[in-house]
Amino acid sequence: MTQKPVSLIAGSTGLVGSLILENLSSLPGSVIAVTRKSNGLTKNVIEKIIDFDDLLKGLIDIDEPIDHVYLSLGKKLSTYELAYMPEANRESFKNIDFNYSLAIAELGLKKGAKSIALVSAIGAEESSINYYFHIKGKLENSLKRIGYENICIAQPGHLLGKRKDFRGHEIPILEGALHLASPLMKGPLRDFRQVQASKVADQIVKVTRENEGLSILTYDDFS
């Protein structure tokens, strides 16, 4: 019999998702990771390797009741796509960051989950003319409407941490510039400061397990 509580996570091979998975695997309970490929973690983790397109066809189900859902899915993007995403790239981005994520959320709700956590981004707003922020905001609003009792939305700025894949030669330059500019980023700009991915993961797990209602996490929550 699966030990309680049971957490369902999608996006566990990414930077924040892998840290959430490590965090959850060390806590009481068990984790179901829906993924395209194995994470290599086995302690308290049940891997369900799937074709994510099958989610949209209603072909994926989970046997166990679920308590918490963690969403950290995200398409790998070039830095320029954060500012302007070409029309040709938008469908695949929306499919991963919105359609797949919402399908996982609906599956978790169907299996009894009361709490859900989302790794979003500072600046997420459905009304934004920036396509990246528009889709992030659209997902946030959709999660608020589908019936979860407890919702944790993390809105970090640029994430710091060791990534498994190469992100671009410009990333060290960007991170250096953000580090130098950090003392000047005050008021509304404060939340756009870069933050350690490990702190984001730790806080997401803590808040999802302990808080009730809607929690929006920004820079000061990760400090």
Protein backbone atom coordinates (compact mmCIF):
# COMPACT_ATOMS: atom_id res chain seq x y z
CA MET A 1 0.00 0.00 0.00
CA THR A 2 1.29 3.45 -0.89
CA GLN A 3 2.32 5.48 2.14
CA LYS A 4 0.60 8.82 2.78
CA PRO A 5 0.88 11.60 1.82
CA VAL A 6 1.21 10.99 -1.90
CA SER A 7 2.67 13.74 -4.08
CA LEU A 8 2.36 13.91 -7.86
CA ILE A 9 5.06 15.89 -9.66
CA ALA A 10 5.50 16.89 -13.30
CA GLY A 11 8.70 18.53 -14.51
CA SER A 12 11.00 16.69 -12.14
CA THR A 13 13.99 16.67 -14.53
CA GLY A 14 14.25 20.47 -14.63
CA LEU A 15 16.22 22.70 -12.26
CA VAL A 16 13.53 23.47 -9.66
CA GLY A 17 11.56 20.29 -10.30
CA SER A 18 14.54 18.03 -9.59
CA LEU A 19 15.13 19.87 -6.31
CA ILE A 20 11.48 19.55 -5.36
CA LEU A 21 11.72 15.83 -6.10
CA GLU A 22 14.83 15.44 -3.92
CA ASN A 23 13.10 17.35 -1.14
CA LEU A 24 9.95 15.23 -1.33
CA SER A 25 11.87 11.95 -1.50
CA SER A 26 13.43 12.70 1.89
CA LEU A 27 10.08 13.32 3.59
CA PRO A 28 7.48 10.86 4.88
CA GLY A 29 5.13 9.68 2.17
CA SER A 30 5.69 8.79 -1.45
CA VAL A 31 6.08 10.56 -4.77
CA ILE A 32 4.75 9.76 -8.22
CA ALA A 33 6.83 11.44 -10.91
CA VAL A 34 5.24 11.62 -14.35
CA THR A 35 8.10 12.07 -16.76
CA ARG A 36 9.42 11.34 -20.23
CA LYS A 37 12.64 9.87 -18.84
CA SER A 38 13.96 8.42 -15.61
CA ASN A 39 15.26 10.77 -12.90
CA GLY A 40 17.52 8.18 -11.27
CA LEU A 41 15.93 8.79 -7.87
CA THR A 42 14.34 5.73 -6.30
CA LYS A 43 13.79 6.52 -2.60
CA ASN A 44 10.03 6.96 -2.08
CA VAL A 45 9.66 7.75 -5.80
CA ILE A 46 7.44 5.89 -8.27
CA GLU A 47 8.27 6.88 -11.84
CA LYS A 48 5.52 6.86 -14.44
CA ILE A 49 7.16 7.36 -17.82
CA ILE A 50 4.56 8.69 -20.26
CA ASP A 51 3.98 10.38 -23.58
CA PHE A 52 2.64 13.76 -22.47
CA ASP A 53 0.47 14.01 -25.57
CA ASP A 54 -1.50 11.08 -24.15
CA LEU A 55 -2.49 13.35 -21.26
CA LEU A 56 -4.43 15.54 -23.66
CA LYS A 57 -6.20 12.47 -25.04
CA GLY A 58 -7.25 11.31 -21.57
CA LEU A 59 -5.15 8.15 -21.84
CA ILE A 60 -3.10 8.64 -18.64
CA ASP A 61 -4.40 7.65 -15.22
CA ILE A 62 -2.92 7.26 -11.74
CA ASP A 63 -3.87 4.30 -9.55
CA GLU A 64 -3.19 5.91 -6.17
CA PRO A 65 -5.16 8.72 -4.52
CA ILE A 66 -3.13 11.97 -4.61
CA ASP A 67 -2.69 14.56 -1.84
CA HIS A 68 -0.39 17.20 -3.36
CA VAL A 69 0.45 18.16 -6.95
CA TYR A 70 3.66 19.94 -8.00
CA LEU A 71 3.93 21.53 -11.45
CA SER A 72 7.37 22.48 -12.73
CA LEU A 73 7.00 21.80 -16.44
CA GLY A 74 8.67 24.24 -18.80
CA LYS A 75 9.96 24.29 -22.34
CA LYS A 76 13.65 25.07 -22.66
CA LEU A 77 13.79 28.59 -24.08
CA SER A 78 16.46 30.83 -25.50
CA THR A 79 16.98 34.07 -23.61
CA TYR A 80 15.56 36.14 -26.46
CA GLU A 81 12.29 34.16 -26.36
CA LEU A 82 11.57 35.53 -22.91
CA ALA A 83 11.42 38.99 -24.44
CA TYR A 84 9.81 38.05 -27.74
CA MET A 85 8.67 34.60 -28.78
CA PRO A 86 8.36 34.07 -32.55
CA GLU A 87 4.97 32.85 -33.76
CA ALA A 88 6.52 29.57 -34.94
CA ASN A 89 7.65 28.70 -31.39
CA ARG A 90 4.47 29.57 -29.54
CA GLU A 91 2.43 26.40 -30.04
CA SER A 92 5.05 24.06 -28.58
CA PHE A 93 5.65 26.44 -25.67
CA LYS A 94 1.93 26.67 -24.89
CA ASN A 95 1.55 22.91 -25.16
CA ILE A 96 4.18 22.24 -22.50
CA ASP A 97 3.79 25.20 -20.19
CA PHE A 98 -0.01 25.41 -20.32
CA ASN A 99 -1.78 22.40 -21.84
CA TYR A 100 0.32 19.65 -20.24
CA SER A 101 0.46 21.46 -16.90
CA LEU A 102 -3.29 22.01 -16.77
CA ALA A 103 -3.92 18.37 -17.73
CA ILE A 104 -1.73 17.20 -14.82
CA ALA A 105 -3.57 19.56 -12.48
CA GLU A 106 -6.93 18.18 -13.61
CA LEU A 107 -5.68 14.60 -13.21
CA GLY A 108 -4.47 15.31 -9.67
CA LEU A 109 -7.80 16.90 -8.77
CA LYS A 110 -9.64 13.88 -10.16
CA LYS A 111 -7.53 11.63 -7.92
CA GLY A 112 -8.46 13.62 -4.81
CA ALA A 113 -5.66 16.18 -4.44
CA LYS A 114 -6.55 19.24 -2.39
CA SER A 115 -3.24 21.13 -2.76
CA ILE A 116 -1.26 22.19 -5.82
CA ALA A 117 1.99 24.09 -6.32
CA LEU A 118 3.14 25.80 -9.50
CA VAL A 119 6.58 27.09 -10.47
CA SER A 120 5.61 30.20 -12.42
CA ALA A 121 7.59 33.42 -12.97
CA ILE A 122 7.63 36.97 -11.70
CA GLY A 123 5.80 39.11 -14.24
CA ALA A 124 3.24 36.41 -15.04
CA GLU A 125 0.04 38.13 -16.12
CA GLU A 126 -2.62 36.82 -18.50
CA SER A 127 -3.20 40.29 -19.92
CA SER A 128 0.50 40.78 -20.76
CA ILE A 129 1.47 41.49 -24.38
CA ASN A 130 4.59 39.38 -23.74
CA TYR A 131 3.65 35.84 -24.80
CA TYR A 132 5.80 34.12 -22.15
CA PHE A 133 4.23 36.09 -19.30
CA HIS A 134 0.77 35.78 -20.88
CA ILE A 135 0.88 31.95 -20.86
CA LYS A 136 2.33 31.84 -17.33
CA GLY A 137 -0.48 34.12 -16.11
CA LYS A 138 -3.11 32.17 -18.01
CA LEU A 139 -2.05 28.97 -16.25
CA GLU A 140 -2.06 30.66 -12.84
CA ASN A 141 -5.63 31.88 -13.39
CA SER A 142 -6.77 28.49 -14.70
CA LEU A 143 -5.45 26.73 -11.59
CA LYS A 144 -7.32 29.16 -9.37
CA ARG A 145 -10.59 28.23 -11.06
CA ILE A 146 -10.58 24.44 -11.31
CA GLY A 147 -11.30 23.56 -7.70
CA TYR A 148 -8.16 23.20 -5.57
CA GLU A 149 -8.57 24.19 -1.93
CA ASN A 150 -4.91 25.14 -1.44
CA ILE A 151 -2.76 26.74 -4.14
CA CYS A 152 0.90 27.75 -3.96
CA ILE A 153 2.22 29.82 -6.85
CA ALA A 154 5.94 30.58 -6.87
CA GLN A 155 6.98 33.62 -8.93
CA PRO A 156 10.79 33.72 -8.82
CA GLY A 157 13.05 35.86 -10.95
CA HIS A 158 16.05 34.34 -12.74
CA LEU A 159 16.93 31.00 -11.13
CA LEU A 160 20.45 30.20 -9.97
CA GLY A 161 21.69 26.64 -9.76
CA LYS A 162 23.55 23.88 -11.52
CA ARG A 163 21.65 22.83 -14.62
CA LYS A 164 22.02 19.54 -16.44
CA ASP A 165 21.97 21.14 -19.88
CA PHE A 166 23.76 24.06 -21.52
CA ARG A 167 21.68 27.23 -21.41
CA GLY A 168 23.69 29.62 -23.57
CA HIS A 169 26.88 31.64 -23.46
CA GLU A 170 24.92 34.73 -22.45
CA ILE A 171 23.70 33.25 -19.14
CA PRO A 172 26.88 33.96 -17.09
CA ILE A 173 26.84 37.53 -18.42
CA LEU A 174 23.17 37.90 -17.48
CA GLU A 175 23.77 36.50 -14.01
CA GLY A 176 26.76 38.77 -13.47
CA ALA A 177 24.76 41.82 -14.55
CA LEU A 178 21.83 40.89 -12.28
CA HIS A 179 24.22 40.38 -9.36
CA LEU A 180 25.70 43.86 -9.83
CA ALA A 181 22.28 45.44 -10.32
CA SER A 182 20.67 43.69 -7.34
CA PRO A 183 21.24 46.54 -4.81
CA LEU A 184 19.55 48.94 -7.24
CA MET A 185 16.54 46.71 -7.82
CA LYS A 186 14.14 48.17 -5.29
CA GLY A 187 10.40 48.64 -5.09
CA PRO A 188 8.59 46.69 -7.85
CA LEU A 189 11.96 45.62 -9.32
CA ARG A 190 12.96 43.82 -6.11
CA ASP A 191 10.98 40.73 -7.05
CA PHE A 192 12.96 40.45 -10.32
CA ARG A 193 16.21 39.75 -8.46
CA GLN A 194 17.76 36.34 -9.15
CA VAL A 195 17.27 33.64 -6.55
CA GLN A 196 18.71 30.22 -5.71
CA ALA A 197 16.55 27.45 -7.15
CA SER A 198 17.11 25.34 -4.02
CA LYS A 199 15.44 28.01 -1.87
CA VAL A 200 12.48 28.15 -4.23
CA ALA A 201 12.07 24.36 -4.09
CA ASP A 202 12.35 24.24 -0.29
CA GLN A 203 9.76 26.96 0.21
CA ILE A 204 7.33 25.45 -2.30
CA VAL A 205 7.32 22.11 -0.51
CA LYS A 206 6.99 23.72 2.91
CA VAL A 207 4.12 26.01 1.93
CA THR A 208 2.25 23.34 -0.01
CA ARG A 209 2.29 21.01 2.97
CA GLU A 210 1.55 23.60 5.65
CA ASN A 211 -0.43 26.55 4.27
CA GLU A 212 -4.09 26.80 3.35
CA GLY A 213 -5.80 28.89 0.69
CA LEU A 214 -3.82 30.84 -1.91
CA SER A 215 -0.12 31.58 -1.38
CA ILE A 216 1.87 33.71 -3.85
CA LEU A 217 5.63 33.40 -3.25
CA THR A 218 8.04 36.09 -4.48
CA TYR A 219 11.64 37.14 -3.82
CA ASP A 220 11.38 37.87 -0.09
CA ASP A 221 9.81 34.45 0.52
CA PHE A 222 12.92 32.80 -0.92
CA SER A 223 15.50 34.94 0.90
